[in-house]
Amino acid sequence: MAENSAAPSGTRTLIHGIMVLRAVAGGATNLREVVEQTELSRSTAHRLIQALRVERFLRETDGGRLQLGPALIELGFQALDSVSLQTVAHPILVDLAHQVKDTIHLAVEDAGMALYLDKIHGTRGIEVRSWPGCRMPLTYTGIGKALLLDAPDRWRSQYVQDRNLAGRDPEHDYADEATFSAAMTKFAKQGFAYDLEENEPGIRCVSAPVRDGRGKTVAAISVSGAIQFMPPRRMKALGPVVVDAASRVSAELGYHTADNDRIS
C-alpha cells in the first residue's frame, strides 16, 4: 500500500504505523524489508520504526533484527481478557439462523465432551434435542467433530473412548475407528464436518471450528436440521456458509489468515 496524501495527516500516520507493525509481523526484519513490504518512503518507515521502538511496540534484537515488542503482548492479553466468546458469537449465530432457517449451536470442548454454550432455534418447527449447558460426546456430534478437526492424533482414541460410554448404541454410526478416522481426514481437508444422524435419529448437521489468535480451535458452530431439509447436496452447500460464520467469530477472537492480513 503506497502513501495516500488524500487522507488526513494524523490518520495517515496511524495507518502507516499499523502497516509497519504488520510488515514486521509478516517477516520483515529490517528497514529495507519494511520499505519493500509497505511501499513507504525510507525516511517515513525509519521514523515510524524508531517511534514504535520507543513505545515498545517494536524491539530490536542483539543482531539488529526487528521483532514485535512487549507492548503488543500486553495489549493482546488485555484484549483477550475483555472478549467473551458467547457475546462475540451470538449476533453472528443469529445472522446465520436467519440465513439458513435451521437450528444453530455454539459449543466448546470441556472434559472430553462438547459443551453447548448457545442455541438459536430455527424457523422450520423442528426441535433438536439440545440446550445450553448440555454435553454430548465429541465423535457422535458434528460440532464435536469440528472441535477435533485440528487434532488427528485424537481421532481414533476419542472414537474408542466415546463408544465405551453407557447408553449409546446409535443406529447410524461408523464401523470402527479406522472408518471414523478416514471420514475425519476428509472433513479436515474440506474444513467442515458432518453429523449424519449419529447423535440423534432424523437430525443431520454441518459444523466448522472457531479459532483464536494463536490459531487454536476454541469452539465450533453447527447448523442442525431434520433429514428432509438436509440432503447431501444442501449439506455440501452449507459447508462454506458455516465456515464463513465460524471465520467471522474467529476474526473477532484475533484469528486471521494471509488473505485478510493487510490493510486495504
Protein backbone atom coordinates (compact mmCIF):
# COMPACT_ATOMS: atom_id res chain seq x y z
CA MET A 1 0.00 0.00 0.00
CA ALA A 2 1.52 3.31 -1.06
CA GLU A 3 1.30 6.56 0.91
CA ASN A 4 -2.07 8.26 0.48
CA SER A 5 -1.81 12.05 0.50
CA ALA A 6 -5.62 12.40 0.42
CA ALA A 7 -6.03 11.06 3.95
CA PRO A 8 -5.73 13.42 6.97
CA SER A 9 -2.17 13.63 8.24
CA GLY A 10 -2.87 12.03 11.62
CA THR A 11 -4.84 9.23 10.02
CA ARG A 12 -2.06 8.56 7.52
CA THR A 13 0.49 8.32 10.32
CA LEU A 14 -1.66 5.85 12.23
CA ILE A 15 -2.29 3.70 9.17
CA HIS A 16 1.38 3.75 8.21
CA GLY A 17 2.38 2.74 11.72
CA ILE A 18 -0.01 -0.22 11.53
CA MET A 19 1.45 -1.12 8.14
CA VAL A 20 4.93 -1.23 9.68
CA LEU A 21 3.72 -3.48 12.51
CA ARG A 22 2.02 -5.81 10.05
CA ALA A 23 5.16 -5.92 7.91
CA VAL A 24 7.27 -6.98 10.89
CA ALA A 25 4.60 -9.48 11.92
CA GLY A 26 4.76 -10.82 8.36
CA GLY A 27 8.50 -11.40 8.48
CA ALA A 28 10.21 -8.08 7.74
CA THR A 29 13.34 -7.85 9.93
CA ASN A 30 14.97 -4.59 8.86
CA LEU A 31 14.28 -1.18 7.34
CA ARG A 32 14.80 -2.32 3.76
CA GLU A 33 12.30 -5.17 4.09
CA VAL A 34 9.76 -2.90 5.80
CA VAL A 35 10.05 -0.43 2.93
CA GLU A 36 9.63 -3.22 0.37
CA GLN A 37 6.51 -4.62 2.05
CA THR A 38 4.79 -1.31 2.86
CA GLU A 39 5.94 0.83 -0.10
CA LEU A 40 6.52 3.68 2.36
CA SER A 41 9.43 6.02 1.77
CA ARG A 42 12.64 5.07 3.55
CA SER A 43 12.53 8.18 5.74
CA THR A 44 8.89 7.61 6.77
CA ALA A 45 9.50 3.96 7.56
CA HIS A 46 12.62 4.78 9.57
CA ARG A 47 10.81 7.45 11.59
CA LEU A 48 7.90 5.12 12.36
CA ILE A 49 10.18 2.26 13.35
CA GLN A 50 12.01 4.48 15.82
CA ALA A 51 8.75 5.76 17.32
CA LEU A 52 7.37 2.24 17.64
CA ARG A 53 10.57 1.10 19.34
CA VAL A 54 10.33 3.95 21.87
CA GLU A 55 6.75 2.93 22.67
CA ARG A 56 7.80 -0.77 22.92
CA PHE A 57 5.61 -1.90 20.00
CA LEU A 58 8.79 -2.99 18.22
CA ARG A 59 12.09 -4.22 19.57
CA GLU A 60 15.50 -4.85 18.06
CA THR A 61 17.47 -7.99 18.84
CA ASP A 62 21.19 -8.02 19.61
CA GLY A 63 21.69 -8.96 15.97
CA GLY A 64 19.75 -5.90 14.79
CA ARG A 65 16.62 -7.76 13.66
CA LEU A 66 13.24 -6.12 14.16
CA GLN A 67 10.64 -8.02 16.17
CA LEU A 68 7.21 -7.26 17.63
CA GLY A 69 7.58 -5.71 21.07
CA PRO A 70 6.23 -6.39 24.55
CA ALA A 71 3.62 -3.62 24.40
CA LEU A 72 1.73 -5.67 21.80
CA ILE A 73 1.80 -8.71 24.08
CA GLU A 74 0.41 -6.65 26.96
CA LEU A 75 -2.38 -5.24 24.81
CA GLY A 76 -3.09 -8.69 23.41
CA PHE A 77 -3.67 -10.18 26.84
CA GLN A 78 -5.88 -7.24 27.80
CA ALA A 79 -7.92 -7.73 24.62
CA LEU A 80 -8.28 -11.46 25.31
CA ASP A 81 -9.48 -10.77 28.85
CA SER A 82 -12.15 -8.40 27.55
CA VAL A 83 -13.54 -10.78 24.92
CA SER A 84 -16.47 -13.07 25.71
CA LEU A 85 -16.88 -15.89 23.21
CA GLN A 86 -20.65 -16.04 23.65
CA THR A 87 -21.08 -12.27 23.41
CA VAL A 88 -18.98 -12.07 20.25
CA ALA A 89 -20.55 -15.11 18.63
CA HIS A 90 -24.25 -14.56 19.42
CA PRO A 91 -25.10 -11.94 16.77
CA ILE A 92 -23.23 -13.98 14.15
CA LEU A 93 -25.22 -17.07 15.16
CA VAL A 94 -28.46 -15.10 14.87
CA ASP A 95 -27.47 -13.92 11.38
CA LEU A 96 -26.67 -17.49 10.38
CA ALA A 97 -30.01 -18.76 11.73
CA HIS A 98 -31.90 -16.15 9.69
CA GLN A 99 -29.92 -17.12 6.61
CA VAL A 100 -30.36 -20.89 6.78
CA LYS A 101 -33.60 -21.20 8.84
CA ASP A 102 -32.19 -24.15 10.80
CA THR A 103 -31.03 -24.57 14.42
CA ILE A 104 -27.62 -23.09 15.25
CA HIS A 105 -25.31 -24.21 18.05
CA LEU A 106 -22.12 -22.91 19.63
CA ALA A 107 -20.03 -25.34 21.69
CA VAL A 108 -16.61 -25.75 23.29
CA GLU A 109 -14.74 -28.82 24.44
CA ASP A 110 -14.89 -29.46 28.16
CA ALA A 111 -13.51 -32.58 29.85
CA GLY A 112 -13.58 -34.54 26.60
CA MET A 113 -17.17 -33.61 25.76
CA ALA A 114 -18.87 -31.00 23.59
CA LEU A 115 -20.37 -28.42 25.96
CA TYR A 116 -23.15 -26.40 24.31
CA LEU A 117 -23.00 -22.68 25.12
CA ASP A 118 -25.67 -21.21 22.87
CA LYS A 119 -28.60 -22.33 20.73
CA ILE A 120 -30.60 -20.34 18.19
CA HIS A 121 -33.83 -22.05 17.19
CA GLY A 122 -34.61 -22.43 13.52
CA THR A 123 -37.88 -21.42 11.89
CA ARG A 124 -38.89 -24.79 10.44
CA GLY A 125 -40.62 -26.02 13.60
CA ILE A 126 -38.10 -28.82 14.11
CA GLU A 127 -36.90 -29.39 17.68
CA VAL A 128 -33.31 -30.58 18.11
CA ARG A 129 -32.50 -32.37 21.38
CA SER A 130 -30.04 -29.87 22.82
CA TRP A 131 -29.84 -26.91 25.18
CA PRO A 132 -27.16 -24.55 26.52
CA GLY A 133 -25.28 -26.41 29.22
CA CYS A 134 -25.83 -29.90 27.83
CA ARG A 135 -22.89 -32.15 26.99
CA MET A 136 -22.55 -34.56 24.10
CA PRO A 137 -19.78 -37.00 23.12
CA LEU A 138 -17.38 -35.40 20.67
CA THR A 139 -17.33 -38.08 18.00
CA TYR A 140 -21.10 -38.56 17.81
CA THR A 141 -21.84 -34.91 17.04
CA GLY A 142 -20.93 -32.73 14.10
CA ILE A 143 -19.94 -29.91 16.42
CA GLY A 144 -17.71 -32.28 18.38
CA LYS A 145 -16.02 -33.45 15.20
CA ALA A 146 -15.35 -29.81 14.29
CA LEU A 147 -13.71 -29.34 17.68
CA LEU A 148 -11.42 -32.27 16.83
CA LEU A 149 -10.58 -31.33 13.23
CA ASP A 150 -7.14 -29.98 14.14
CA ALA A 151 -6.25 -32.93 16.40
CA PRO A 152 -5.76 -36.01 14.16
CA ASP A 153 -3.77 -37.71 16.92
CA ARG A 154 -7.01 -37.94 18.94
CA TRP A 155 -9.42 -39.19 16.30
CA ARG A 156 -9.06 -42.93 16.90
CA SER A 157 -8.67 -42.82 20.67
CA GLN A 158 -11.61 -40.43 21.12
CA TYR A 159 -13.77 -42.64 18.93
CA VAL A 160 -12.99 -45.65 21.12
CA GLN A 161 -13.49 -43.67 24.32
CA ASP A 162 -16.89 -42.40 23.21
CA ARG A 163 -18.03 -45.88 22.12
CA ASN A 164 -17.37 -47.12 25.66
CA LEU A 165 -19.95 -44.73 27.06
CA ALA A 166 -23.00 -46.38 28.56
CA GLY A 167 -26.38 -45.81 26.93
CA ARG A 168 -25.03 -45.19 23.44
CA ASP A 169 -25.83 -47.58 20.60
CA PRO A 170 -26.90 -45.45 17.64
CA GLU A 171 -28.46 -46.89 14.54
CA HIS A 172 -26.19 -44.74 12.37
CA ASP A 173 -22.50 -44.93 13.23
CA TYR A 174 -19.06 -45.59 11.80
CA ALA A 175 -17.96 -49.21 11.63
CA ASP A 176 -14.75 -48.71 13.60
CA GLU A 177 -12.06 -46.18 14.49
CA ALA A 178 -10.32 -46.57 11.12
CA THR A 179 -13.51 -45.67 9.25
CA PHE A 180 -14.09 -42.73 11.57
CA SER A 181 -10.51 -41.52 11.10
CA ALA A 182 -10.90 -41.72 7.30
CA ALA A 183 -14.06 -39.60 7.50
CA MET A 184 -12.30 -37.06 9.73
CA THR A 185 -9.46 -36.81 7.22
CA LYS A 186 -12.00 -35.82 4.58
CA PHE A 187 -13.68 -33.35 6.94
CA ALA A 188 -10.36 -31.75 7.86
CA LYS A 189 -9.47 -31.34 4.19
CA GLN A 190 -12.76 -29.60 3.35
CA GLY A 191 -12.78 -27.54 6.56
CA PHE A 192 -16.17 -28.63 7.92
CA ALA A 193 -17.69 -31.77 9.43
CA TYR A 194 -20.99 -33.66 9.26
CA ASP A 195 -23.24 -35.43 11.73
CA LEU A 196 -25.27 -37.99 9.77
CA GLU A 197 -27.75 -38.97 12.48
CA GLU A 198 -25.10 -40.48 14.77
CA ASN A 199 -26.21 -38.29 17.67
CA GLU A 200 -29.96 -38.07 17.10
CA PRO A 201 -32.14 -40.05 14.67
CA GLY A 202 -33.53 -37.91 11.88
CA ILE A 203 -31.16 -34.99 12.57
CA ARG A 204 -28.14 -34.04 10.48
CA CYS A 205 -25.73 -31.16 10.92
CA VAL A 206 -22.86 -29.28 9.33
CA SER A 207 -20.21 -27.75 11.57
CA ALA A 208 -16.96 -25.79 11.48
CA PRO A 209 -14.27 -24.85 14.04
CA VAL A 210 -13.69 -21.44 15.60
CA ARG A 211 -10.04 -20.50 16.18
CA ASP A 212 -8.41 -17.85 18.36
CA GLY A 213 -5.48 -15.54 17.69
CA ARG A 214 -3.00 -18.37 18.19
CA GLY A 215 -4.77 -20.49 15.58
CA LYS A 216 -6.05 -22.87 18.27
CA THR A 217 -9.54 -24.36 17.97
CA VAL A 218 -11.50 -22.96 20.91
CA ALA A 219 -15.11 -23.56 19.82
CA ALA A 220 -17.29 -24.75 16.97
CA ILE A 221 -20.52 -23.72 15.24
CA SER A 222 -23.09 -26.05 13.73
CA VAL A 223 -26.25 -25.90 11.62
CA SER A 224 -28.66 -28.71 12.54
CA GLY A 225 -31.87 -29.74 10.82
CA ALA A 226 -34.22 -32.58 10.05
CA ILE A 227 -33.09 -35.05 7.41
CA GLN A 228 -35.68 -33.86 4.90
CA PHE A 229 -34.05 -30.42 4.95
CA MET A 230 -30.52 -31.82 4.91
CA PRO A 231 -29.98 -33.82 1.71
CA PRO A 232 -26.33 -34.36 0.74
CA ARG A 233 -26.34 -31.56 -1.84
CA ARG A 234 -27.58 -28.98 0.66
CA MET A 235 -25.16 -30.14 3.35
CA LYS A 236 -22.28 -29.67 0.95
CA ALA A 237 -23.55 -26.20 0.03
CA LEU A 238 -23.94 -25.29 3.71
CA GLY A 239 -20.31 -26.11 4.44
CA PRO A 240 -18.81 -22.83 3.17
CA VAL A 241 -21.66 -20.88 4.80
CA VAL A 242 -20.90 -22.37 8.22
CA VAL A 243 -17.16 -21.93 7.68
CA ASP A 244 -17.76 -18.26 6.88
CA ALA A 245 -19.74 -17.73 10.08
CA ALA A 246 -17.08 -19.54 12.13
CA SER A 247 -14.42 -17.41 10.44
CA ARG A 248 -16.27 -14.25 11.45
CA VAL A 249 -16.24 -15.36 15.08
CA SER A 250 -12.58 -16.38 14.75
CA ALA A 251 -11.71 -12.93 13.41
CA GLU A 252 -13.30 -11.35 16.49
CA LEU A 253 -11.05 -13.57 18.63
CA GLY A 254 -7.93 -12.38 16.79
CA TYR A 255 -7.52 -15.15 14.22
CA HIS A 256 -6.54 -14.09 10.73
CA THR A 257 -5.32 -15.60 7.50
CA ALA A 258 -2.87 -14.28 4.94
CA ASP A 259 -5.79 -13.13 2.81
CA ASN A 260 -7.02 -10.54 5.32
CA ASP A 261 -3.67 -9.71 6.86
CA ARG A 262 -3.26 -6.42 5.05
CA ILE A 263 -4.95 -3.07 5.33
CA SER A 264 -6.86 -2.39 2.13
